[in-house]
Amino acid sequence: MLSKKEYFGQYGKITKLCVNSKKAYDPNNKHGPSFSAFVTFSSNHEAALAITFLDNFFIHGHVIRAAYGSNKYCLHFLKNMPCVIKDCMFIHVLADSKDILNKVI
């Protein structure tokens, strides 16, 4: 449903979409509980459009929060092995150096 043109799909090509239906937020909301979703677009521009237009957007009794996320490399990818995890949420290609942030401790 989220990938349809009337929702996230209107902002570009979605390459990955994962809904975390195991953890409900605001379960007592009169419109039902809220869940988190992770949406990956085919370009940074598409992601920026979705975040710009959807953050704090009110739909079906819920406020949508949209922000940039971060990701990690898949351990299988790092070990140069094929990933055996169906719908793995981690990265399986080298990221562009301009997209990499290093955590400073």
Protein backbone atom coordinates (compact mmCIF):
# COMPACT_ATOMS: atom_id res chain seq x y z
CA MET A 1 0.00 0.00 0.00
CA LEU A 2 2.77 2.49 0.91
CA SER A 3 4.42 2.13 -2.50
CA LYS A 4 1.26 3.23 -4.36
CA LYS A 5 1.25 6.55 -6.24
CA GLU A 6 -1.02 8.19 -3.66
CA TYR A 7 1.56 7.53 -0.94
CA PHE A 8 5.35 7.21 -1.21
CA GLY A 9 5.29 6.06 -4.84
CA GLN A 10 4.43 9.53 -6.10
CA TYR A 11 7.92 10.76 -5.23
CA GLY A 12 9.92 8.24 -7.27
CA LYS A 13 10.92 4.64 -7.78
CA ILE A 14 10.99 2.67 -4.52
CA THR A 15 13.76 0.10 -4.47
CA LYS A 16 13.08 -1.27 -0.98
CA LEU A 17 10.26 -0.92 1.51
CA CYS A 18 10.13 -2.59 4.90
CA VAL A 19 7.42 -2.13 7.52
CA ASN A 20 8.23 -2.98 11.12
CA SER A 21 4.89 -4.43 12.17
CA LYS A 22 6.30 -6.04 15.32
CA LYS A 23 6.47 -2.82 17.34
CA ALA A 24 3.33 -0.71 17.51
CA TYR A 25 3.41 2.94 18.52
CA ASP A 26 0.45 4.70 20.09
CA PRO A 27 -1.64 1.52 20.29
CA ASN A 28 -4.53 3.41 21.94
CA ASN A 29 -4.98 5.89 19.08
CA LYS A 30 -8.64 5.96 18.01
CA HIS A 31 -7.44 5.38 14.41
CA GLY A 32 -5.36 2.35 15.41
CA PRO A 33 -1.67 1.89 16.20
CA SER A 34 1.22 3.36 14.19
CA PHE A 35 4.16 1.41 12.80
CA SER A 36 7.55 2.40 11.41
CA ALA A 37 8.56 1.88 7.80
CA PHE A 38 11.87 2.17 5.99
CA VAL A 39 11.59 3.34 2.38
CA THR A 40 14.53 3.40 -0.03
CA PHE A 41 14.22 5.38 -3.26
CA SER A 42 16.29 4.96 -6.40
CA SER A 43 17.84 8.42 -6.01
CA ASN A 44 18.73 10.95 -3.33
CA HIS A 45 16.53 13.52 -5.07
CA GLU A 46 13.45 11.28 -4.80
CA ALA A 47 14.15 10.65 -1.11
CA ALA A 48 14.54 14.38 -0.49
CA LEU A 49 11.18 15.07 -2.17
CA ALA A 50 9.41 12.46 -0.07
CA ILE A 51 10.93 13.77 3.15
CA THR A 52 10.12 17.38 2.27
CA PHE A 53 6.47 16.72 1.46
CA LEU A 54 5.66 13.93 3.92
CA ASP A 55 7.34 14.93 7.18
CA ASN A 56 4.56 16.02 9.58
CA PHE A 57 1.89 15.15 7.01
CA PHE A 58 -1.40 14.03 8.60
CA ILE A 59 -3.13 11.00 7.07
CA HIS A 60 -5.80 8.61 8.36
CA GLY A 61 -5.51 10.04 11.87
CA HIS A 62 -1.73 9.65 12.04
CA VAL A 63 1.19 12.04 11.61
CA ILE A 64 3.87 10.80 9.23
CA ARG A 65 7.44 11.45 10.33
CA ALA A 66 9.97 11.29 7.49
CA ALA A 67 13.73 11.67 7.81
CA TYR A 68 16.97 10.47 6.29
CA GLY A 69 18.13 7.16 7.65
CA SER A 70 21.40 5.37 7.89
CA ASN A 71 22.39 1.87 6.96
CA LYS A 72 25.19 -0.60 7.49
CA TYR A 73 26.88 -3.08 5.23
CA CYS A 74 25.67 -6.68 5.29
CA LEU A 75 28.17 -8.96 7.03
CA HIS A 76 27.89 -11.45 4.16
CA PHE A 77 28.77 -8.69 1.68
CA LEU A 78 31.77 -7.66 3.80
CA LYS A 79 32.98 -11.28 3.81
CA ASN A 80 32.51 -11.45 0.01
CA MET A 81 29.81 -14.11 0.44
CA PRO A 82 26.30 -14.24 -1.01
CA CYS A 83 23.68 -13.02 1.43
CA VAL A 84 21.35 -15.77 2.63
CA ILE A 85 18.88 -13.44 4.38
CA LYS A 86 15.65 -12.90 2.44
CA ASP A 87 14.84 -9.16 2.30
CA CYS A 88 18.09 -8.25 4.08
CA MET A 89 17.95 -4.64 5.24
CA PHE A 90 21.68 -4.03 4.96
CA ILE A 91 23.75 -2.69 2.03
CA HIS A 92 25.11 -5.15 -0.56
CA VAL A 93 27.01 -2.69 -2.80
CA LEU A 94 29.75 -0.21 -2.06
CA ALA A 95 28.35 3.22 -1.24
CA ASP A 96 29.56 6.33 -3.02
CA SER A 97 32.24 7.99 -0.87
CA LYS A 98 30.19 11.22 -0.67
CA ASP A 99 27.38 9.25 1.02
CA ILE A 100 29.54 7.79 3.79
CA LEU A 101 29.58 9.25 7.29
CA ASN A 102 32.02 8.08 9.90
CA LYS A 103 31.04 8.04 13.52
CA VAL A 104 33.52 9.99 15.63
CA ILE A 105 33.98 8.60 19.11
